[in-house]
Amino acid sequence: MKTLTVTDNLYLVLEEVAVRSGRPISDLVSEAVEAWLADGAIDDAERREIDVARAEAAEQGGVEFEAFFAEFLDERD
């Protein structure tokens, strides 16, 4: 187990939540950090999927959404 330093205000909030939930602060912090890391991993996976989709679209002559609509709107004027 390691020590983590947090601001006094954050600790007070954690302490209040811990008391209300009947759980130790360490469990709350561990759970929150694990969830944050999992969200980051999902974001990285989603970014890779987007990059693959963009590459496939470019190979087939596709254009980015913004570029398509910018050109479309310019043609209408």
N, C-alpha and C. Protein backbone atom coordinates (compact mmCIF):
# COMPACT_ATOMS: atom_id res chain seq x y z
N MET A 1 0.85 -1.18 0.00
CA MET A 1 0.00 0.00 0.00
C MET A 1 0.89 1.24 0.00
N LYS A 2 0.47 2.25 -0.77
CA LYS A 2 1.21 3.50 -0.88
C LYS A 2 0.38 4.65 -0.34
N THR A 3 1.04 5.77 -0.08
CA THR A 3 0.37 6.96 0.41
C THR A 3 0.06 7.89 -0.75
N LEU A 4 -1.12 8.50 -0.73
CA LEU A 4 -1.54 9.45 -1.75
C LEU A 4 -1.90 10.75 -1.06
N THR A 5 -1.39 11.87 -1.56
CA THR A 5 -1.69 13.16 -0.97
C THR A 5 -2.81 13.82 -1.77
N VAL A 6 -3.84 14.28 -1.07
CA VAL A 6 -4.96 14.99 -1.70
C VAL A 6 -5.17 16.30 -0.96
N THR A 7 -5.89 17.20 -1.58
CA THR A 7 -6.19 18.48 -0.92
C THR A 7 -7.10 18.25 0.28
N ASP A 8 -7.08 19.19 1.18
CA ASP A 8 -7.94 19.09 2.37
C ASP A 8 -9.41 19.03 1.98
N ASN A 9 -9.81 19.85 1.00
CA ASN A 9 -11.21 19.86 0.57
C ASN A 9 -11.63 18.52 -0.01
N LEU A 10 -10.78 17.93 -0.83
CA LEU A 10 -11.09 16.62 -1.40
C LEU A 10 -11.18 15.57 -0.29
N TYR A 11 -10.30 15.63 0.65
CA TYR A 11 -10.33 14.66 1.75
C TYR A 11 -11.62 14.78 2.54
N LEU A 12 -12.06 16.02 2.79
CA LEU A 12 -13.30 16.21 3.55
C LEU A 12 -14.49 15.60 2.81
N VAL A 13 -14.53 15.78 1.50
CA VAL A 13 -15.61 15.19 0.70
C VAL A 13 -15.52 13.67 0.74
N LEU A 14 -14.32 13.14 0.55
CA LEU A 14 -14.13 11.69 0.61
C LEU A 14 -14.55 11.13 1.97
N GLU A 15 -14.19 11.85 3.01
CA GLU A 15 -14.53 11.41 4.36
C GLU A 15 -16.05 11.37 4.54
N GLU A 16 -16.73 12.38 4.05
CA GLU A 16 -18.19 12.45 4.16
C GLU A 16 -18.84 11.29 3.39
N VAL A 17 -18.38 11.05 2.16
CA VAL A 17 -18.92 9.96 1.36
C VAL A 17 -18.63 8.61 2.01
N ALA A 18 -17.45 8.47 2.56
CA ALA A 18 -17.07 7.23 3.23
C ALA A 18 -17.98 6.95 4.42
N VAL A 19 -18.27 7.97 5.19
CA VAL A 19 -19.15 7.79 6.35
C VAL A 19 -20.55 7.41 5.89
N ARG A 20 -21.07 8.14 4.88
CA ARG A 20 -22.43 7.85 4.40
C ARG A 20 -22.55 6.46 3.80
N SER A 21 -21.49 6.03 3.09
CA SER A 21 -21.56 4.73 2.40
C SER A 21 -21.07 3.57 3.27
N GLY A 22 -20.45 3.90 4.41
CA GLY A 22 -19.92 2.85 5.28
C GLY A 22 -18.73 2.12 4.67
N ARG A 23 -17.99 2.82 3.81
CA ARG A 23 -16.83 2.22 3.14
C ARG A 23 -15.58 3.02 3.48
N PRO A 24 -14.43 2.39 3.48
CA PRO A 24 -13.18 3.13 3.73
C PRO A 24 -12.83 4.07 2.57
N ILE A 25 -12.18 5.17 2.91
CA ILE A 25 -11.74 6.13 1.90
C ILE A 25 -10.85 5.45 0.87
N SER A 26 -9.99 4.56 1.33
CA SER A 26 -9.07 3.90 0.40
C SER A 26 -9.83 3.12 -0.68
N ASP A 27 -10.95 2.49 -0.31
CA ASP A 27 -11.76 1.79 -1.31
C ASP A 27 -12.37 2.76 -2.31
N LEU A 28 -12.86 3.88 -1.81
CA LEU A 28 -13.46 4.88 -2.70
C LEU A 28 -12.45 5.41 -3.70
N VAL A 29 -11.26 5.73 -3.20
CA VAL A 29 -10.22 6.28 -4.08
C VAL A 29 -9.77 5.23 -5.09
N SER A 30 -9.56 4.00 -4.64
CA SER A 30 -9.14 2.94 -5.56
C SER A 30 -10.18 2.72 -6.65
N GLU A 31 -11.44 2.67 -6.26
CA GLU A 31 -12.52 2.47 -7.23
C GLU A 31 -12.58 3.62 -8.24
N ALA A 32 -12.44 4.84 -7.76
CA ALA A 32 -12.49 6.01 -8.64
C ALA A 32 -11.32 6.02 -9.63
N VAL A 33 -10.13 5.71 -9.15
CA VAL A 33 -8.95 5.69 -10.02
C VAL A 33 -9.07 4.57 -11.05
N GLU A 34 -9.53 3.39 -10.62
CA GLU A 34 -9.71 2.28 -11.55
C GLU A 34 -10.73 2.63 -12.64
N ALA A 35 -11.82 3.28 -12.26
CA ALA A 35 -12.84 3.69 -13.24
C ALA A 35 -12.26 4.71 -14.21
N TRP A 36 -11.47 5.65 -13.69
CA TRP A 36 -10.86 6.67 -14.54
C TRP A 36 -9.89 6.03 -15.54
N LEU A 37 -9.11 5.09 -15.07
CA LEU A 37 -8.17 4.40 -15.96
C LEU A 37 -8.92 3.58 -17.02
N ALA A 38 -10.01 2.94 -16.63
CA ALA A 38 -10.81 2.17 -17.58
C ALA A 38 -11.40 3.08 -18.64
N ASP A 39 -11.87 4.26 -18.23
CA ASP A 39 -12.42 5.22 -19.20
C ASP A 39 -11.34 5.65 -20.19
N GLY A 40 -10.12 5.85 -19.70
CA GLY A 40 -9.02 6.23 -20.58
C GLY A 40 -8.70 5.13 -21.57
N ALA A 41 -8.77 3.90 -21.14
CA ALA A 41 -8.50 2.77 -22.03
C ALA A 41 -9.57 2.68 -23.10
N ILE A 42 -10.81 2.93 -22.74
CA ILE A 42 -11.89 2.94 -23.72
C ILE A 42 -11.66 4.05 -24.72
N ASP A 43 -11.28 5.22 -24.25
CA ASP A 43 -11.02 6.34 -25.14
C ASP A 43 -9.91 6.00 -26.13
N ASP A 44 -8.83 5.37 -25.66
CA ASP A 44 -7.73 5.00 -26.54
C ASP A 44 -8.21 4.00 -27.59
N ALA A 45 -9.01 3.03 -27.17
CA ALA A 45 -9.53 2.03 -28.11
C ALA A 45 -10.44 2.68 -29.14
N GLU A 46 -11.28 3.59 -28.67
CA GLU A 46 -12.18 4.30 -29.60
C GLU A 46 -11.39 5.15 -30.58
N ARG A 47 -10.34 5.80 -30.10
CA ARG A 47 -9.51 6.61 -31.00
C ARG A 47 -8.87 5.75 -32.08
N ARG A 48 -8.40 4.57 -31.70
CA ARG A 48 -7.81 3.66 -32.70
C ARG A 48 -8.85 3.23 -33.73
N GLU A 49 -10.07 2.94 -33.27
CA GLU A 49 -11.14 2.56 -34.20
C GLU A 49 -11.47 3.70 -35.15
N ILE A 50 -11.49 4.91 -34.64
CA ILE A 50 -11.77 6.08 -35.48
C ILE A 50 -10.66 6.25 -36.51
N ASP A 51 -9.41 6.09 -36.10
CA ASP A 51 -8.29 6.22 -37.04
C ASP A 51 -8.38 5.17 -38.14
N VAL A 52 -8.75 3.94 -37.77
CA VAL A 52 -8.90 2.88 -38.77
C VAL A 52 -10.03 3.23 -39.73
N ALA A 53 -11.15 3.69 -39.21
CA ALA A 53 -12.29 4.05 -40.06
C ALA A 53 -11.93 5.20 -40.99
N ARG A 54 -11.21 6.19 -40.49
CA ARG A 54 -10.78 7.31 -41.35
C ARG A 54 -9.86 6.84 -42.47
N ALA A 55 -8.93 5.95 -42.13
CA ALA A 55 -8.01 5.44 -43.14
C ALA A 55 -8.77 4.66 -44.20
N GLU A 56 -9.72 3.82 -43.79
CA GLU A 56 -10.52 3.07 -44.74
C GLU A 56 -11.34 4.00 -45.63
N ALA A 57 -11.94 5.02 -45.04
CA ALA A 57 -12.73 5.98 -45.81
C ALA A 57 -11.85 6.74 -46.80
N ALA A 58 -10.66 7.14 -46.37
CA ALA A 58 -9.75 7.86 -47.27
C ALA A 58 -9.34 6.98 -48.44
N GLU A 59 -9.11 5.70 -48.18
CA GLU A 59 -8.76 4.77 -49.26
C GLU A 59 -9.88 4.67 -50.29
N GLN A 60 -11.10 4.85 -49.86
CA GLN A 60 -12.26 4.75 -50.75
C GLN A 60 -12.70 6.10 -51.29
N GLY A 61 -11.89 7.13 -51.06
CA GLY A 61 -12.19 8.46 -51.59
C GLY A 61 -13.08 9.31 -50.71
N GLY A 62 -13.27 8.90 -49.47
CA GLY A 62 -14.12 9.66 -48.55
C GLY A 62 -13.43 10.92 -48.06
N VAL A 63 -14.23 11.84 -47.52
CA VAL A 63 -13.71 13.08 -46.96
C VAL A 63 -14.24 13.25 -45.55
N GLU A 64 -13.57 14.07 -44.77
CA GLU A 64 -14.01 14.35 -43.41
C GLU A 64 -15.35 15.08 -43.44
N PHE A 65 -16.14 14.86 -42.41
CA PHE A 65 -17.47 15.45 -42.26
C PHE A 65 -17.43 16.97 -42.44
N GLU A 66 -16.53 17.63 -41.72
CA GLU A 66 -16.46 19.09 -41.76
C GLU A 66 -16.11 19.59 -43.17
N ALA A 67 -15.17 18.93 -43.81
CA ALA A 67 -14.77 19.34 -45.16
C ALA A 67 -15.92 19.14 -46.14
N PHE A 68 -16.64 18.03 -46.02
CA PHE A 68 -17.76 17.76 -46.92
C PHE A 68 -18.81 18.84 -46.80
N PHE A 69 -19.22 19.17 -45.57
CA PHE A 69 -20.28 20.15 -45.39
C PHE A 69 -19.81 21.57 -45.69
N ALA A 70 -18.56 21.87 -45.45
CA ALA A 70 -18.04 23.20 -45.80
C ALA A 70 -18.12 23.37 -47.31
N GLU A 71 -17.71 22.36 -48.06
CA GLU A 71 -17.78 22.42 -49.52
C GLU A 71 -19.23 22.47 -49.98
N PHE A 72 -20.09 21.68 -49.37
CA PHE A 72 -21.51 21.63 -49.72
C PHE A 72 -22.15 22.99 -49.50
N LEU A 73 -21.88 23.63 -48.38
CA LEU A 73 -22.47 24.93 -48.08
C LEU A 73 -21.92 26.01 -49.00
N ASP A 74 -20.65 25.92 -49.35
CA ASP A 74 -20.06 26.88 -50.29
C ASP A 74 -20.72 26.79 -51.65
N GLU A 75 -21.06 25.59 -52.09
CA GLU A 75 -21.70 25.40 -53.38
C GLU A 75 -23.10 25.96 -53.40
N ARG A 76 -23.75 26.00 -52.26
CA ARG A 76 -25.13 26.50 -52.17
C ARG A 76 -25.17 28.02 -52.25
N ASP A 77 -24.10 28.68 -51.87
CA ASP A 77 -24.09 30.16 -51.85
C ASP A 77 -23.98 30.76 -53.20
